Amino acid sequence: MKKFGFTLAEVLVTLGVIGVIAALTLPSLIANYEKKVYATSLKKDYTLIMNAFQKAMVDGESLGDFEQTELADALKSDDINIAQKEINKYFRNAKVSQSDQRSYRYINKYDWEYERCNIPSYAKYRTDLPGFTFWVVGQYSGILELYIDVIGADSKPNIVGKDFYYVRLNKRLKLDGHWYSIWRSNAKHYAYNDCKTFKGEACFYTIYAEDNWEIKYY
């Protein structure tokens, strides 16, 4: 009876082909999975923060102005104990510390210092929660600046538009109209350039409103 089988050479060729296909497709699969994790985390973290801020406005009977809440006052306080106590009312297991003014690289991968997004020096506190970190700063002229690291400030890659996002809100906790209108007028062009060169405001706007909580700009 004639036996059928594969020679060693045929097996090695097959394994080689499989290896080549895997080498070509694996990076793409990993990148797509990474984008999904970052976008999903951003949606979850942003929703949690907004729900807490909205509750603070309800508690303070100041539905039209977040700046008038006790939470907003605590975030601007020079007393970290006051900040910790007030933040703990709205964020379970929150750890509040002095802001370290760290910096984040842009997607363009440049390492030069002027090619980084820095947490501003007027940010008083950093809040760490299970899985992510945020800073709330500004509150000037009715503008609230929110910075979010969706996997935690002490975890890499620390890159704007990947694990780090910047959001500008008005006192009603809506996206700041000025920047939002600029972004809407030329969404894709603005997103590609802004994500890579200036704070990354459009990274969040694009994910949030243009691409239905997906990352498509890299």
N, C-alpha and C. Protein backbone atom coordinates (compact mmCIF):
# COMPACT_ATOMS: atom_id res chain seq x y z
N MET A 1 0.85 -1.19 0.00
CA MET A 1 0.00 0.00 0.00
C MET A 1 0.89 1.24 0.00
N LYS A 2 0.51 2.20 -0.84
CA LYS A 2 1.29 3.44 -0.93
C LYS A 2 0.92 4.37 0.22
N LYS A 3 1.95 4.89 0.91
CA LYS A 3 1.73 5.79 2.03
C LYS A 3 1.82 7.25 1.59
N PHE A 4 0.94 8.05 2.17
CA PHE A 4 0.95 9.48 1.87
C PHE A 4 1.45 10.26 3.08
N GLY A 5 2.17 11.35 2.85
CA GLY A 5 2.69 12.16 3.94
C GLY A 5 3.43 13.35 3.38
N PHE A 6 4.00 14.12 4.27
CA PHE A 6 4.74 15.31 3.88
C PHE A 6 6.22 15.10 4.15
N THR A 7 7.01 15.60 3.27
CA THR A 7 8.45 15.53 3.50
C THR A 7 8.84 16.65 4.45
N LEU A 8 10.03 16.52 5.02
CA LEU A 8 10.53 17.56 5.93
C LEU A 8 10.61 18.90 5.23
N ALA A 9 11.03 18.88 3.98
CA ALA A 9 11.15 20.13 3.22
C ALA A 9 9.79 20.80 3.06
N GLU A 10 8.76 20.01 2.77
CA GLU A 10 7.42 20.56 2.61
C GLU A 10 6.90 21.17 3.91
N VAL A 11 7.17 20.49 5.02
CA VAL A 11 6.75 21.00 6.33
C VAL A 11 7.45 22.32 6.63
N LEU A 12 8.73 22.40 6.36
CA LEU A 12 9.50 23.62 6.63
C LEU A 12 9.02 24.78 5.76
N VAL A 13 8.71 24.50 4.51
CA VAL A 13 8.20 25.54 3.62
C VAL A 13 6.86 26.06 4.13
N THR A 14 5.98 25.13 4.53
CA THR A 14 4.67 25.52 5.06
C THR A 14 4.81 26.39 6.30
N LEU A 15 5.68 25.97 7.21
CA LEU A 15 5.91 26.75 8.43
C LEU A 15 6.48 28.12 8.10
N GLY A 16 7.35 28.16 7.09
CA GLY A 16 7.92 29.44 6.67
C GLY A 16 6.87 30.39 6.14
N VAL A 17 5.94 29.85 5.33
CA VAL A 17 4.85 30.67 4.78
C VAL A 17 3.97 31.19 5.90
N ILE A 18 3.63 30.31 6.85
CA ILE A 18 2.80 30.72 7.99
C ILE A 18 3.50 31.81 8.79
N GLY A 19 4.82 31.65 8.96
CA GLY A 19 5.59 32.64 9.70
C GLY A 19 5.58 34.00 9.02
N VAL A 20 5.70 34.01 7.70
CA VAL A 20 5.69 35.27 6.95
C VAL A 20 4.33 35.96 7.07
N ILE A 21 3.26 35.17 6.91
CA ILE A 21 1.91 35.73 7.02
C ILE A 21 1.68 36.31 8.42
N ALA A 22 2.14 35.57 9.44
CA ALA A 22 1.98 36.05 10.81
C ALA A 22 2.75 37.33 11.04
N ALA A 23 3.96 37.40 10.49
CA ALA A 23 4.79 38.59 10.66
C ALA A 23 4.17 39.81 9.99
N LEU A 24 3.44 39.57 8.90
CA LEU A 24 2.81 40.67 8.18
C LEU A 24 1.51 41.14 8.83
N THR A 25 0.78 40.23 9.42
CA THR A 25 -0.55 40.57 9.96
C THR A 25 -0.56 40.88 11.44
N LEU A 26 0.38 40.29 12.20
CA LEU A 26 0.36 40.45 13.65
C LEU A 26 0.49 41.91 14.10
N PRO A 27 1.42 42.69 13.54
CA PRO A 27 1.51 44.10 13.97
C PRO A 27 0.22 44.87 13.77
N SER A 28 -0.47 44.61 12.66
CA SER A 28 -1.73 45.29 12.40
C SER A 28 -2.80 44.88 13.40
N LEU A 29 -2.85 43.60 13.73
CA LEU A 29 -3.82 43.11 14.71
C LEU A 29 -3.56 43.71 16.09
N ILE A 30 -2.28 43.80 16.46
CA ILE A 30 -1.91 44.37 17.76
C ILE A 30 -2.28 45.84 17.81
N ALA A 31 -1.98 46.57 16.71
CA ALA A 31 -2.28 48.01 16.65
C ALA A 31 -3.78 48.26 16.74
N ASN A 32 -4.56 47.46 16.04
CA ASN A 32 -6.02 47.63 16.09
C ASN A 32 -6.57 47.33 17.48
N TYR A 33 -6.01 46.30 18.12
CA TYR A 33 -6.44 45.97 19.48
C TYR A 33 -6.08 47.11 20.44
N GLU A 34 -4.89 47.67 20.27
CA GLU A 34 -4.43 48.78 21.10
C GLU A 34 -5.37 49.98 20.96
N LYS A 35 -5.75 50.30 19.73
CA LYS A 35 -6.66 51.43 19.49
C LYS A 35 -8.00 51.19 20.18
N LYS A 36 -8.48 49.94 20.10
CA LYS A 36 -9.77 49.61 20.72
C LYS A 36 -9.69 49.79 22.23
N VAL A 37 -8.60 49.35 22.84
CA VAL A 37 -8.43 49.47 24.29
C VAL A 37 -8.40 50.94 24.70
N TYR A 38 -7.62 51.75 23.98
CA TYR A 38 -7.50 53.17 24.34
C TYR A 38 -8.83 53.89 24.18
N ALA A 39 -9.52 53.66 23.06
CA ALA A 39 -10.79 54.35 22.82
C ALA A 39 -11.86 53.93 23.83
N THR A 40 -11.92 52.64 24.13
CA THR A 40 -12.90 52.15 25.10
C THR A 40 -12.62 52.71 26.49
N SER A 41 -11.34 52.76 26.85
CA SER A 41 -10.95 53.30 28.16
C SER A 41 -11.28 54.78 28.23
N LEU A 42 -11.02 55.52 27.14
CA LEU A 42 -11.32 56.95 27.13
C LEU A 42 -12.81 57.19 27.33
N LYS A 43 -13.64 56.45 26.65
CA LYS A 43 -15.09 56.61 26.79
C LYS A 43 -15.52 56.34 28.22
N LYS A 44 -15.01 55.27 28.81
CA LYS A 44 -15.38 54.90 30.19
C LYS A 44 -14.92 55.97 31.18
N ASP A 45 -13.67 56.40 31.05
CA ASP A 45 -13.11 57.37 32.01
C ASP A 45 -13.78 58.73 31.87
N TYR A 46 -13.99 59.18 30.64
CA TYR A 46 -14.62 60.48 30.42
C TYR A 46 -16.06 60.48 30.96
N THR A 47 -16.78 59.39 30.74
CA THR A 47 -18.15 59.29 31.23
C THR A 47 -18.19 59.32 32.76
N LEU A 48 -17.26 58.62 33.39
CA LEU A 48 -17.19 58.60 34.85
C LEU A 48 -16.93 60.01 35.39
N ILE A 49 -15.98 60.71 34.78
CA ILE A 49 -15.64 62.07 35.23
C ILE A 49 -16.81 63.01 35.04
N MET A 50 -17.45 62.97 33.88
CA MET A 50 -18.56 63.86 33.61
C MET A 50 -19.74 63.60 34.54
N ASN A 51 -20.00 62.32 34.82
CA ASN A 51 -21.09 61.99 35.75
C ASN A 51 -20.81 62.56 37.14
N ALA A 52 -19.55 62.47 37.57
CA ALA A 52 -19.18 63.00 38.88
C ALA A 52 -19.31 64.52 38.91
N PHE A 53 -18.86 65.18 37.86
CA PHE A 53 -18.95 66.64 37.81
C PHE A 53 -20.41 67.10 37.76
N GLN A 54 -21.22 66.39 37.01
CA GLN A 54 -22.64 66.72 36.95
C GLN A 54 -23.28 66.55 38.33
N LYS A 55 -22.91 65.50 39.04
CA LYS A 55 -23.45 65.28 40.39
C LYS A 55 -23.03 66.41 41.33
N ALA A 56 -21.79 66.88 41.16
CA ALA A 56 -21.32 67.99 41.99
C ALA A 56 -22.15 69.24 41.74
N MET A 57 -22.57 69.46 40.48
CA MET A 57 -23.40 70.62 40.17
C MET A 57 -24.80 70.45 40.77
N VAL A 58 -25.33 69.23 40.73
CA VAL A 58 -26.64 68.98 41.34
C VAL A 58 -26.57 69.21 42.85
N ASP A 59 -25.53 68.68 43.48
CA ASP A 59 -25.37 68.83 44.93
C ASP A 59 -25.24 70.30 45.33
N GLY A 60 -24.58 71.07 44.47
CA GLY A 60 -24.38 72.48 44.78
C GLY A 60 -25.46 73.38 44.24
N GLU A 61 -26.48 72.76 43.63
CA GLU A 61 -27.59 73.52 43.04
C GLU A 61 -27.07 74.61 42.08
N SER A 62 -26.04 74.23 41.31
CA SER A 62 -25.45 75.17 40.35
C SER A 62 -25.37 74.50 38.98
N LEU A 63 -26.52 74.10 38.46
CA LEU A 63 -26.55 73.31 37.23
C LEU A 63 -25.98 74.05 36.03
N GLY A 64 -25.94 75.37 36.10
CA GLY A 64 -25.43 76.11 34.94
C GLY A 64 -23.98 76.48 35.02
N ASP A 65 -23.29 76.14 36.13
CA ASP A 65 -21.93 76.64 36.29
C ASP A 65 -21.13 75.73 37.22
N PHE A 66 -20.25 74.94 36.62
CA PHE A 66 -19.42 74.03 37.41
C PHE A 66 -18.49 74.81 38.34
N GLU A 67 -18.08 76.00 37.93
CA GLU A 67 -17.16 76.80 38.74
C GLU A 67 -17.73 77.15 40.11
N GLN A 68 -19.05 77.11 40.24
CA GLN A 68 -19.68 77.49 41.50
C GLN A 68 -19.83 76.32 42.47
N THR A 69 -19.29 75.16 42.12
CA THR A 69 -19.42 73.99 42.98
C THR A 69 -18.29 73.92 44.01
N GLU A 70 -18.54 73.20 45.09
CA GLU A 70 -17.51 72.99 46.10
C GLU A 70 -16.36 72.16 45.53
N LEU A 71 -16.68 71.27 44.60
CA LEU A 71 -15.62 70.46 43.97
C LEU A 71 -14.66 71.35 43.19
N ALA A 72 -15.19 72.30 42.44
CA ALA A 72 -14.35 73.22 41.67
C ALA A 72 -13.46 74.03 42.61
N ASP A 73 -14.03 74.49 43.71
CA ASP A 73 -13.25 75.24 44.70
C ASP A 73 -12.13 74.38 45.27
N ALA A 74 -12.44 73.12 45.55
CA ALA A 74 -11.44 72.22 46.13
C ALA A 74 -10.29 71.97 45.16
N LEU A 75 -10.60 71.88 43.86
CA LEU A 75 -9.57 71.65 42.86
C LEU A 75 -8.62 72.83 42.72
N LYS A 76 -9.07 74.02 43.16
CA LYS A 76 -8.23 75.21 43.12
C LYS A 76 -7.62 75.53 44.47
N SER A 77 -7.99 74.77 45.50
CA SER A 77 -7.52 75.05 46.85
C SER A 77 -6.03 74.76 46.99
N ASP A 78 -5.37 75.51 47.87
CA ASP A 78 -3.96 75.25 48.17
C ASP A 78 -3.80 74.15 49.23
N ASP A 79 -4.90 73.69 49.77
CA ASP A 79 -4.88 72.67 50.82
C ASP A 79 -5.23 71.31 50.20
N ILE A 80 -4.26 70.43 50.12
CA ILE A 80 -4.47 69.13 49.49
C ILE A 80 -5.47 68.28 50.27
N ASN A 81 -5.58 68.48 51.57
CA ASN A 81 -6.54 67.72 52.37
C ASN A 81 -7.98 68.09 51.99
N ILE A 82 -8.21 69.37 51.72
CA ILE A 82 -9.53 69.80 51.26
C ILE A 82 -9.83 69.18 49.89
N ALA A 83 -8.83 69.20 49.00
CA ALA A 83 -9.01 68.61 47.67
C ALA A 83 -9.32 67.12 47.77
N GLN A 84 -8.55 66.41 48.60
CA GLN A 84 -8.75 64.97 48.76
C GLN A 84 -10.14 64.66 49.28
N LYS A 85 -10.58 65.40 50.30
CA LYS A 85 -11.88 65.15 50.92
C LYS A 85 -13.02 65.37 49.93
N GLU A 86 -12.94 66.47 49.16
CA GLU A 86 -14.03 66.78 48.22
C GLU A 86 -14.03 65.83 47.03
N ILE A 87 -12.86 65.50 46.52
CA ILE A 87 -12.78 64.58 45.38
C ILE A 87 -13.28 63.20 45.78
N ASN A 88 -13.00 62.79 47.00
CA ASN A 88 -13.45 61.47 47.46
C ASN A 88 -14.97 61.37 47.55
N LYS A 89 -15.66 62.49 47.58
CA LYS A 89 -17.12 62.45 47.58
C LYS A 89 -17.66 61.93 46.25
N TYR A 90 -16.90 62.14 45.19
CA TYR A 90 -17.41 61.84 43.84
C TYR A 90 -16.61 60.76 43.11
N PHE A 91 -15.43 60.43 43.63
CA PHE A 91 -14.60 59.40 43.00
C PHE A 91 -14.14 58.41 44.06
N ARG A 92 -14.66 57.20 43.97
CA ARG A 92 -14.30 56.16 44.92
C ARG A 92 -12.85 55.72 44.71
N ASN A 93 -12.13 55.53 45.80
CA ASN A 93 -10.74 55.07 45.77
C ASN A 93 -9.80 56.04 45.06
N ALA A 94 -10.12 57.32 45.10
CA ALA A 94 -9.27 58.32 44.47
C ALA A 94 -8.07 58.63 45.34
N LYS A 95 -6.92 58.78 44.71
CA LYS A 95 -5.71 59.21 45.40
C LYS A 95 -5.28 60.55 44.82
N VAL A 96 -5.27 61.57 45.64
CA VAL A 96 -4.94 62.93 45.19
C VAL A 96 -3.52 63.26 45.63
N SER A 97 -2.75 63.79 44.70
CA SER A 97 -1.37 64.19 45.00
C SER A 97 -1.06 65.51 44.30
N GLN A 98 0.02 66.14 44.70
CA GLN A 98 0.44 67.36 44.03
C GLN A 98 0.77 67.04 42.58
N SER A 99 0.37 67.91 41.66
CA SER A 99 0.63 67.68 40.24
C SER A 99 2.13 67.73 39.98
N ASP A 100 2.60 66.81 39.11
CA ASP A 100 4.04 66.72 38.84
C ASP A 100 4.43 67.37 37.51
N GLN A 101 3.49 68.01 36.82
CA GLN A 101 3.77 68.72 35.57
C GLN A 101 4.53 67.84 34.57
N ARG A 102 4.15 66.59 34.47
CA ARG A 102 4.82 65.69 33.54
C ARG A 102 4.53 66.08 32.09
N SER A 103 5.25 65.48 31.16
CA SER A 103 5.06 65.79 29.75
C SER A 103 4.77 64.52 28.96
N TYR A 104 4.05 64.70 27.85
CA TYR A 104 3.66 63.59 26.98
C TYR A 104 4.12 63.86 25.55
N ARG A 105 4.62 62.82 24.88
CA ARG A 105 5.05 62.95 23.50
C ARG A 105 3.84 62.97 22.56
N TYR A 106 4.05 63.53 21.37
CA TYR A 106 3.01 63.49 20.34
C TYR A 106 3.18 62.24 19.48
N ILE A 107 2.17 61.95 18.69
CA ILE A 107 2.20 60.75 17.84
C ILE A 107 3.32 60.80 16.82
N ASN A 108 3.81 62.02 16.50
CA ASN A 108 4.89 62.11 15.52
C ASN A 108 6.22 61.55 16.04
N LYS A 109 6.25 61.18 17.31
CA LYS A 109 7.37 60.46 17.93
C LYS A 109 8.61 61.32 18.16
N TYR A 110 8.54 62.60 17.91
CA TYR A 110 9.68 63.46 18.22
C TYR A 110 9.91 63.50 19.72
N ASP A 111 11.16 63.53 20.12
CA ASP A 111 11.49 63.55 21.54
C ASP A 111 11.97 64.91 22.02
N TRP A 112 12.04 65.88 21.13
CA TRP A 112 12.50 67.20 21.53
C TRP A 112 11.53 67.80 22.54
N GLU A 113 12.08 68.55 23.49
CA GLU A 113 11.27 69.06 24.58
C GLU A 113 10.13 69.94 24.09
N TYR A 114 10.36 70.73 23.04
CA TYR A 114 9.29 71.60 22.56
C TYR A 114 8.27 70.84 21.74
N GLU A 115 8.49 69.55 21.53
CA GLU A 115 7.52 68.72 20.82
C GLU A 115 6.73 67.87 21.80
N ARG A 116 6.58 68.36 23.04
CA ARG A 116 5.85 67.63 24.05
C ARG A 116 4.66 68.43 24.55
N CYS A 117 3.66 67.71 25.03
CA CYS A 117 2.51 68.34 25.69
C CYS A 117 2.75 68.24 27.19
N ASN A 118 2.81 69.38 27.85
CA ASN A 118 3.11 69.41 29.28
C ASN A 118 1.85 69.69 30.09
N ILE A 119 1.70 68.97 31.20
CA ILE A 119 0.66 69.35 32.17
C ILE A 119 1.06 70.73 32.69
N PRO A 120 0.21 71.73 32.59
CA PRO A 120 0.61 73.11 32.93
C PRO A 120 0.98 73.27 34.40
N SER A 121 1.83 74.26 34.65
CA SER A 121 2.34 74.49 36.00
C SER A 121 1.23 74.92 36.96
N TYR A 122 0.12 75.45 36.43
CA TYR A 122 -0.96 75.88 37.31
C TYR A 122 -1.92 74.74 37.65
N ALA A 123 -1.60 73.53 37.22
CA ALA A 123 -2.39 72.37 37.65
C ALA A 123 -1.97 72.01 39.07
N LYS A 124 -2.87 72.12 40.01
CA LYS A 124 -2.51 71.91 41.41
C LYS A 124 -2.43 70.43 41.79
N TYR A 125 -3.40 69.64 41.27
CA TYR A 125 -3.50 68.27 41.76
C TYR A 125 -3.62 67.26 40.62
N ARG A 126 -3.15 66.08 40.95
CA ARG A 126 -3.29 64.91 40.07
C ARG A 126 -4.16 63.91 40.82
N THR A 127 -5.15 63.35 40.13
CA THR A 127 -6.05 62.36 40.75
C THR A 127 -5.86 61.01 40.08
N ASP A 128 -5.46 60.02 40.86
CA ASP A 128 -5.29 58.66 40.35
C ASP A 128 -6.44 57.79 40.82
N LEU A 129 -7.04 57.10 39.86
CA LEU A 129 -8.12 56.15 40.13
C LEU A 129 -7.70 54.79 39.56
N PRO A 130 -8.35 53.71 39.97
CA PRO A 130 -7.98 52.40 39.42
C PRO A 130 -8.02 52.41 37.89
N GLY A 131 -6.86 52.35 37.26
CA GLY A 131 -6.79 52.24 35.81
C GLY A 131 -6.53 53.52 35.05
N PHE A 132 -6.72 54.70 35.68
CA PHE A 132 -6.46 55.92 34.93
C PHE A 132 -6.15 57.10 35.85
N THR A 133 -5.67 58.19 35.23
CA THR A 133 -5.28 59.40 35.95
C THR A 133 -5.91 60.60 35.25
N PHE A 134 -6.32 61.61 36.04
CA PHE A 134 -6.78 62.84 35.40
C PHE A 134 -6.33 64.07 36.18
N TRP A 135 -6.25 65.18 35.46
CA TRP A 135 -5.96 66.49 36.02
C TRP A 135 -7.07 67.44 35.58
N VAL A 136 -7.53 68.29 36.46
CA VAL A 136 -8.49 69.33 36.10
C VAL A 136 -7.83 70.67 36.42
N VAL A 137 -7.67 71.50 35.42
CA VAL A 137 -6.97 72.77 35.62
C VAL A 137 -7.68 73.90 34.89
N GLY A 138 -7.22 75.08 35.14
CA GLY A 138 -7.76 76.23 34.42
C GLY A 138 -8.88 76.89 35.18
N GLN A 139 -10.10 76.64 34.73
CA GLN A 139 -11.29 77.29 35.27
C GLN A 139 -11.13 78.81 35.21
N TYR A 140 -10.62 79.28 34.08
CA TYR A 140 -10.48 80.71 33.85
C TYR A 140 -11.38 81.11 32.70
N SER A 141 -12.03 82.25 32.82
CA SER A 141 -12.93 82.75 31.77
C SER A 141 -13.95 81.70 31.36
N GLY A 142 -14.40 80.90 32.33
CA GLY A 142 -15.43 79.91 32.03
C GLY A 142 -14.93 78.68 31.32
N ILE A 143 -13.60 78.49 31.23
CA ILE A 143 -13.05 77.33 30.54
C ILE A 143 -12.44 76.37 31.54
N LEU A 144 -12.77 75.10 31.37
CA LEU A 144 -12.25 74.03 32.22
C LEU A 144 -11.35 73.15 31.36
N GLU A 145 -10.13 72.92 31.80
CA GLU A 145 -9.21 72.05 31.07
C GLU A 145 -9.13 70.70 31.76
N LEU A 146 -9.36 69.66 30.99
CA LEU A 146 -9.33 68.30 31.53
C LEU A 146 -8.29 67.48 30.78
N TYR A 147 -7.37 66.88 31.52
CA TYR A 147 -6.35 66.01 30.95
C TYR A 147 -6.59 64.60 31.49
N ILE A 148 -6.57 63.60 30.59
CA ILE A 148 -6.86 62.22 31.00
C ILE A 148 -5.79 61.28 30.45
N ASP A 149 -5.20 60.47 31.32
CA ASP A 149 -4.34 59.37 30.90
C ASP A 149 -5.13 58.10 31.15
N VAL A 150 -5.56 57.45 30.08
CA VAL A 150 -6.55 56.37 30.19
C VAL A 150 -6.00 55.07 30.75
N ILE A 151 -4.68 54.94 30.91
CA ILE A 151 -4.12 53.73 31.52
C ILE A 151 -3.26 54.07 32.74
N GLY A 152 -3.31 55.33 33.17
CA GLY A 152 -2.55 55.74 34.34
C GLY A 152 -1.27 56.46 33.96
N ALA A 153 -0.98 57.53 34.69
CA ALA A 153 0.16 58.38 34.34
C ALA A 153 1.50 57.66 34.43
N ASP A 154 1.58 56.62 35.24
CA ASP A 154 2.85 55.93 35.43
C ASP A 154 3.03 54.74 34.48
N SER A 155 2.12 54.60 33.53
CA SER A 155 2.21 53.52 32.55
C SER A 155 2.47 54.08 31.15
N LYS A 156 3.34 53.45 30.42
CA LYS A 156 3.65 53.88 29.05
C LYS A 156 2.54 53.41 28.11
N PRO A 157 2.41 54.03 26.90
CA PRO A 157 3.45 54.79 26.19
C PRO A 157 3.51 56.28 26.49
N ASN A 158 2.49 56.85 27.17
CA ASN A 158 2.48 58.29 27.45
C ASN A 158 2.60 59.12 26.17
N ILE A 159 1.65 58.91 25.27
CA ILE A 159 1.64 59.60 23.97
C ILE A 159 0.27 60.23 23.75
N VAL A 160 0.29 61.51 23.38
CA VAL A 160 -0.94 62.24 23.08
C VAL A 160 -1.68 61.56 21.93
N GLY A 161 -2.97 61.32 22.13
CA GLY A 161 -3.78 60.69 21.08
C GLY A 161 -3.78 59.18 21.15
N LYS A 162 -2.98 58.61 22.04
CA LYS A 162 -3.02 57.17 22.29
C LYS A 162 -3.58 56.94 23.69
N ASP A 163 -2.73 57.11 24.71
CA ASP A 163 -3.24 56.92 26.07
C ASP A 163 -3.51 58.24 26.79
N PHE A 164 -3.26 59.38 26.14
CA PHE A 164 -3.40 60.68 26.79
C PHE A 164 -4.26 61.62 25.94
N TYR A 165 -5.21 62.34 26.61
CA TYR A 165 -6.14 63.21 25.89
C TYR A 165 -6.38 64.51 26.64
N TYR A 166 -6.66 65.54 25.88
CA TYR A 166 -6.92 66.87 26.42
C TYR A 166 -8.29 67.34 25.95
N VAL A 167 -9.09 67.86 26.89
CA VAL A 167 -10.45 68.30 26.58
C VAL A 167 -10.66 69.69 27.14
N ARG A 168 -11.24 70.58 26.34
CA ARG A 168 -11.63 71.91 26.82
C ARG A 168 -13.15 71.95 26.96
N LEU A 169 -13.62 72.34 28.15
CA LEU A 169 -15.04 72.39 28.43
C LEU A 169 -15.43 73.78 28.90
N ASN A 170 -16.69 74.16 28.66
CA ASN A 170 -17.17 75.41 29.23
C ASN A 170 -17.73 75.15 30.63
N LYS A 171 -18.23 76.19 31.29
CA LYS A 171 -18.66 76.03 32.68
C LYS A 171 -19.88 75.13 32.83
N ARG A 172 -20.57 74.86 31.70
CA ARG A 172 -21.70 73.93 31.74
C ARG A 172 -21.28 72.50 31.41
N LEU A 173 -19.97 72.31 31.30
CA LEU A 173 -19.37 71.00 31.01
C LEU A 173 -19.66 70.53 29.59
N LYS A 174 -19.87 71.47 28.69
CA LYS A 174 -20.01 71.15 27.27
C LYS A 174 -18.68 71.45 26.57
N LEU A 175 -18.44 70.77 25.44
CA LEU A 175 -17.21 71.04 24.70
C LEU A 175 -17.13 72.52 24.36
N ASP A 176 -15.97 73.10 24.62
CA ASP A 176 -15.79 74.53 24.39
C ASP A 176 -16.14 74.91 22.97
N GLY A 177 -17.09 75.82 22.80
CA GLY A 177 -17.64 76.16 21.50
C GLY A 177 -16.63 76.67 20.49
N HIS A 178 -15.67 77.50 20.94
CA HIS A 178 -14.70 78.07 20.01
C HIS A 178 -13.87 76.99 19.33
N TRP A 179 -13.25 76.14 20.14
CA TRP A 179 -12.41 75.09 19.57
C TRP A 179 -13.23 74.05 18.84
N TYR A 180 -14.40 73.78 19.36
CA TYR A 180 -15.25 72.78 18.72
C TYR A 180 -15.67 73.22 17.32
N SER A 181 -16.00 74.52 17.15
CA SER A 181 -16.41 75.01 15.83
C SER A 181 -15.26 74.99 14.85
N ILE A 182 -14.03 75.29 15.33
CA ILE A 182 -12.86 75.21 14.45
C ILE A 182 -12.65 73.78 14.00
N TRP A 183 -12.75 72.86 14.94
CA TRP A 183 -12.56 71.45 14.60
C TRP A 183 -13.61 70.98 13.60
N ARG A 184 -14.89 71.35 13.82
CA ARG A 184 -15.96 70.89 12.95
C ARG A 184 -15.82 71.43 11.53
N SER A 185 -15.22 72.61 11.38
CA SER A 185 -15.12 73.22 10.05
C SER A 185 -14.14 72.48 9.16
N ASN A 186 -13.19 71.77 9.73
CA ASN A 186 -12.20 71.07 8.91
C ASN A 186 -11.69 69.87 9.71
N ALA A 187 -12.60 68.96 10.02
CA ALA A 187 -12.36 67.93 11.02
C ALA A 187 -11.11 67.10 10.77
N LYS A 188 -11.02 66.46 9.64
CA LYS A 188 -9.93 65.52 9.43
C LYS A 188 -8.58 66.22 9.38
N HIS A 189 -8.50 67.32 8.64
CA HIS A 189 -7.24 68.05 8.53
C HIS A 189 -6.81 68.54 9.91
N TYR A 190 -7.73 69.10 10.65
CA TYR A 190 -7.43 69.65 11.97
C TYR A 190 -6.98 68.54 12.92
N ALA A 191 -7.65 67.41 12.87
CA ALA A 191 -7.30 66.30 13.76
C ALA A 191 -5.90 65.80 13.50
N TYR A 192 -5.55 65.58 12.25
CA TYR A 192 -4.24 65.05 11.93
C TYR A 192 -3.13 65.98 12.39
N ASN A 193 -3.31 67.28 12.18
CA ASN A 193 -2.28 68.23 12.55
C ASN A 193 -2.27 68.51 14.04
N ASP A 194 -3.45 68.71 14.63
CA ASP A 194 -3.52 69.06 16.03
C ASP A 194 -3.08 67.91 16.93
N CYS A 195 -3.46 66.70 16.61
CA CYS A 195 -3.06 65.54 17.40
C CYS A 195 -1.54 65.45 17.50
N LYS A 196 -0.87 65.85 16.43
CA LYS A 196 0.57 65.65 16.35
C LYS A 196 1.39 66.83 16.82
N THR A 197 0.75 67.99 16.98
CA THR A 197 1.56 69.17 17.21
C THR A 197 1.13 70.07 18.35
N PHE A 198 -0.12 70.04 18.80
CA PHE A 198 -0.53 71.02 19.81
C PHE A 198 -1.58 70.45 20.76
N LYS A 199 -1.12 69.95 21.89
CA LYS A 199 -1.96 69.47 22.98
C LYS A 199 -2.84 68.28 22.63
N GLY A 200 -3.26 68.15 21.40
CA GLY A 200 -4.08 67.01 21.02
C GLY A 200 -5.56 67.19 21.26
N GLU A 201 -6.04 68.45 21.23
CA GLU A 201 -7.47 68.68 21.46
C GLU A 201 -8.32 67.90 20.47
N ALA A 202 -7.92 67.92 19.21
CA ALA A 202 -8.76 67.30 18.18
C ALA A 202 -8.75 65.79 18.25
N CYS A 203 -7.79 65.20 18.91
CA CYS A 203 -7.81 63.75 19.08
C CYS A 203 -9.08 63.34 19.82
N PHE A 204 -9.36 64.03 20.91
CA PHE A 204 -10.58 63.71 21.67
C PHE A 204 -11.82 64.03 20.85
N TYR A 205 -11.87 65.22 20.24
CA TYR A 205 -13.05 65.62 19.48
C TYR A 205 -13.35 64.64 18.35
N THR A 206 -12.31 64.17 17.68
CA THR A 206 -12.51 63.25 16.56
C THR A 206 -13.06 61.91 17.04
N ILE A 207 -12.49 61.38 18.12
CA ILE A 207 -12.98 60.12 18.68
C ILE A 207 -14.41 60.27 19.17
N TYR A 208 -14.68 61.38 19.85
CA TYR A 208 -15.96 61.58 20.51
C TYR A 208 -17.11 61.81 19.53
N ALA A 209 -16.90 62.68 18.55
CA ALA A 209 -18.02 63.09 17.70
C ALA A 209 -17.92 62.64 16.25
N GLU A 210 -16.71 62.55 15.74
CA GLU A 210 -16.56 62.22 14.32
C GLU A 210 -16.56 60.72 14.07
N ASP A 211 -15.89 59.97 14.93
CA ASP A 211 -15.65 58.55 14.67
C ASP A 211 -16.30 57.60 15.68
N ASN A 212 -17.30 58.10 16.40
CA ASN A 212 -18.11 57.25 17.27
C ASN A 212 -17.27 56.40 18.23
N TRP A 213 -16.39 57.06 18.97
CA TRP A 213 -15.54 56.44 19.97
C TRP A 213 -14.62 55.38 19.37
N GLU A 214 -14.07 55.71 18.20
CA GLU A 214 -13.04 54.88 17.59
C GLU A 214 -11.84 55.74 17.25
N ILE A 215 -10.66 55.12 17.23
CA ILE A 215 -9.44 55.83 16.83
C ILE A 215 -9.13 55.47 15.39
N LYS A 216 -9.14 56.48 14.52
CA LYS A 216 -8.89 56.25 13.10
C LYS A 216 -7.82 57.16 12.52
N TYR A 217 -7.23 58.01 13.35
CA TYR A 217 -6.30 59.02 12.80
C TYR A 217 -4.85 58.56 12.78
N TYR A 218 -4.56 57.34 13.21
CA TYR A 218 -3.20 56.81 13.02
C TYR A 218 -3.28 55.31 12.78
